[in-house]
Amino acid sequence: MATTAQPDGAHLVPRLKRAEGQLRGVQRMVEEGAAPEEILAQLAAVKAAVDRVGLQLLTQSLRTCVEDDDGSCAEQFEDAMATFLRYTTLAR
């Protein structure tokens, strides 16, 4: 799936807003005393949505590095991979 470059991560804002709406739904479920299984399923959906935003940020960073091809891509790649590893560790 190709994405077009948009300023300041504008393409990620709709995903974040969707996750925000899902989280508000989870809050409502807790307030209304929904079954724990239902709440946990929705929390997993929120987490997955936020994880996708993080992965897209890293992907875009690497894509920009490769497209720019100014010779500093190796260092940028290492930085991105270190960030990815920290991110995935926290996501578990």
C-alpha atoms as a PDB file:
ATOM      1  CA  MET A   1       0.000   0.000   0.000  1.00  0.00           C
ATOM      2  CA  ALA A   2       1.678   3.221  -1.108  1.00  0.00           C
ATOM      3  CA  THR A   3       1.305   6.354   0.959  1.00  0.00           C
ATOM      4  CA  THR A   4       1.772   9.886  -0.203  1.00  0.00           C
ATOM      5  CA  ALA A   5       3.993  12.182   1.794  1.00  0.00           C
ATOM      6  CA  GLN A   6       2.028  14.654   3.856  1.00  0.00           C
ATOM      7  CA  PRO A   7       3.429  17.368   6.063  1.00  0.00           C
ATOM      8  CA  ASP A   8       3.911  16.706   9.772  1.00  0.00           C
ATOM      9  CA  GLY A   9       2.515  13.192   9.696  1.00  0.00           C
ATOM     10  CA  ALA A  10      -0.937  14.390   8.674  1.00  0.00           C
ATOM     11  CA  HIS A  11      -1.698  10.916   7.332  1.00  0.00           C
ATOM     12  CA  LEU A  12      -1.336   9.541  10.860  1.00  0.00           C
ATOM     13  CA  VAL A  13      -3.802  11.924  12.493  1.00  0.00           C
ATOM     14  CA  PRO A  14      -6.914  10.020  11.326  1.00  0.00           C
ATOM     15  CA  ARG A  15      -5.502   6.791  12.781  1.00  0.00           C
ATOM     16  CA  LEU A  16      -4.777   8.523  16.086  1.00  0.00           C
ATOM     17  CA  LYS A  17      -8.267  10.021  16.162  1.00  0.00           C
ATOM     18  CA  ARG A  18      -9.740   6.576  15.509  1.00  0.00           C
ATOM     19  CA  ALA A  19      -7.698   5.142  18.396  1.00  0.00           C
ATOM     20  CA  GLU A  20      -8.837   8.029  20.586  1.00  0.00           C
ATOM     21  CA  GLY A  21     -12.452   7.208  19.774  1.00  0.00           C
ATOM     22  CA  GLN A  22     -11.853   3.546  20.531  1.00  0.00           C
ATOM     23  CA  LEU A  23     -10.321   4.472  23.887  1.00  0.00           C
ATOM     24  CA  ARG A  24     -13.316   6.659  24.745  1.00  0.00           C
ATOM     25  CA  GLY A  25     -15.463   3.639  23.934  1.00  0.00           C
ATOM     26  CA  VAL A  26     -13.406   1.532  26.344  1.00  0.00           C
ATOM     27  CA  GLN A  27     -13.881   4.154  29.059  1.00  0.00           C
ATOM     28  CA  ARG A  28     -17.627   4.039  28.464  1.00  0.00           C
ATOM     29  CA  MET A  29     -17.588   0.236  28.623  1.00  0.00           C
ATOM     30  CA  VAL A  30     -15.798   0.346  31.991  1.00  0.00           C
ATOM     31  CA  GLU A  31     -18.259   2.921  33.335  1.00  0.00           C
ATOM     32  CA  GLU A  32     -21.180   0.777  32.194  1.00  0.00           C
ATOM     33  CA  GLY A  33     -19.711  -2.404  33.682  1.00  0.00           C
ATOM     34  CA  ALA A  34     -19.147  -4.328  30.441  1.00  0.00           C
ATOM     35  CA  ALA A  35     -17.711  -7.824  30.614  1.00  0.00           C
ATOM     36  CA  PRO A  36     -13.926  -7.888  31.119  1.00  0.00           C
ATOM     37  CA  GLU A  37     -13.479  -9.999  27.959  1.00  0.00           C
ATOM     38  CA  GLU A  38     -15.204  -7.323  25.875  1.00  0.00           C
ATOM     39  CA  ILE A  39     -13.146  -4.536  27.435  1.00  0.00           C
ATOM     40  CA  LEU A  40      -9.897  -6.432  26.896  1.00  0.00           C
ATOM     41  CA  ALA A  41     -10.790  -7.059  23.254  1.00  0.00           C
ATOM     42  CA  GLN A  42     -11.314  -3.335  22.725  1.00  0.00           C
ATOM     43  CA  LEU A  43      -8.096  -2.487  24.571  1.00  0.00           C
ATOM     44  CA  ALA A  44      -6.256  -4.850  22.229  1.00  0.00           C
ATOM     45  CA  ALA A  45      -7.774  -2.999  19.257  1.00  0.00           C
ATOM     46  CA  VAL A  46      -6.637   0.364  20.663  1.00  0.00           C
ATOM     47  CA  LYS A  47      -3.143  -0.974  21.283  1.00  0.00           C
ATOM     48  CA  ALA A  48      -2.946  -2.374  17.748  1.00  0.00           C
ATOM     49  CA  ALA A  49      -4.035   0.968  16.275  1.00  0.00           C
ATOM     50  CA  VAL A  50      -1.391   2.875  18.242  1.00  0.00           C
ATOM     51  CA  ASP A  51       1.259   0.277  17.369  1.00  0.00           C
ATOM     52  CA  ARG A  52       0.456   0.733  13.665  1.00  0.00           C
ATOM     53  CA  VAL A  53       1.023   4.481  13.987  1.00  0.00           C
ATOM     54  CA  GLY A  54       4.411   3.846  15.610  1.00  0.00           C
ATOM     55  CA  LEU A  55       5.425   1.404  12.915  1.00  0.00           C
ATOM     56  CA  GLN A  56       4.340   3.819  10.202  1.00  0.00           C
ATOM     57  CA  LEU A  57       6.476   6.548  11.770  1.00  0.00           C
ATOM     58  CA  LEU A  58       9.516   4.278  11.714  1.00  0.00           C
ATOM     59  CA  THR A  59       8.756   3.079   8.185  1.00  0.00           C
ATOM     60  CA  GLN A  60       8.473   6.639   6.924  1.00  0.00           C
ATOM     61  CA  SER A  61      11.752   7.539   8.596  1.00  0.00           C
ATOM     62  CA  LEU A  62      13.540   4.662   6.867  1.00  0.00           C
ATOM     63  CA  ARG A  63      11.816   5.369   3.556  1.00  0.00           C
ATOM     64  CA  THR A  64      12.950   9.009   3.702  1.00  0.00           C
ATOM     65  CA  CYS A  65      16.487   7.887   4.495  1.00  0.00           C
ATOM     66  CA  VAL A  66      16.607   5.618   1.458  1.00  0.00           C
ATOM     67  CA  GLU A  67      14.970   8.175  -0.850  1.00  0.00           C
ATOM     68  CA  ASP A  68      17.360  10.950   0.212  1.00  0.00           C
ATOM     69  CA  ASP A  69      20.376   8.654  -0.274  1.00  0.00           C
ATOM     70  CA  ASP A  70      22.818  11.267   1.003  1.00  0.00           C
ATOM     71  CA  GLY A  71      25.261   8.720   2.400  1.00  0.00           C
ATOM     72  CA  SER A  72      24.114   8.963   6.016  1.00  0.00           C
ATOM     73  CA  CYS A  73      21.473   6.284   5.675  1.00  0.00           C
ATOM     74  CA  ALA A  74      23.457   3.658   7.597  1.00  0.00           C
ATOM     75  CA  GLU A  75      23.520   5.778  10.763  1.00  0.00           C
ATOM     76  CA  GLN A  76      19.853   6.746  10.356  1.00  0.00           C
ATOM     77  CA  PHE A  77      18.994   3.089   9.832  1.00  0.00           C
ATOM     78  CA  GLU A  78      20.794   2.103  13.042  1.00  0.00           C
ATOM     79  CA  ASP A  79      18.998   4.858  14.958  1.00  0.00           C
ATOM     80  CA  ALA A  80      15.655   3.758  13.547  1.00  0.00           C
ATOM     81  CA  MET A  81      16.332   0.120  14.409  1.00  0.00           C
ATOM     82  CA  ALA A  82      17.317   1.055  17.978  1.00  0.00           C
ATOM     83  CA  THR A  83      14.082   3.015  18.276  1.00  0.00           C
ATOM     84  CA  PHE A  84      12.145   0.092  16.816  1.00  0.00           C
ATOM     85  CA  LEU A  85      13.661  -2.323  19.320  1.00  0.00           C
ATOM     86  CA  ARG A  86      12.850  -0.007  22.231  1.00  0.00           C
ATOM     87  CA  TYR A  87       9.349   0.480  20.882  1.00  0.00           C
ATOM     88  CA  THR A  88       8.615  -3.208  20.434  1.00  0.00           C
ATOM     89  CA  THR A  89       9.998  -4.007  23.867  1.00  0.00           C
ATOM     90  CA  LEU A  90       7.618  -1.493  25.410  1.00  0.00           C
ATOM     91  CA  ALA A  91       4.756  -2.741  23.286  1.00  0.00           C
ATOM     92  CA  ARG A  92       4.902  -6.264  24.763  1.00  0.00           C
END
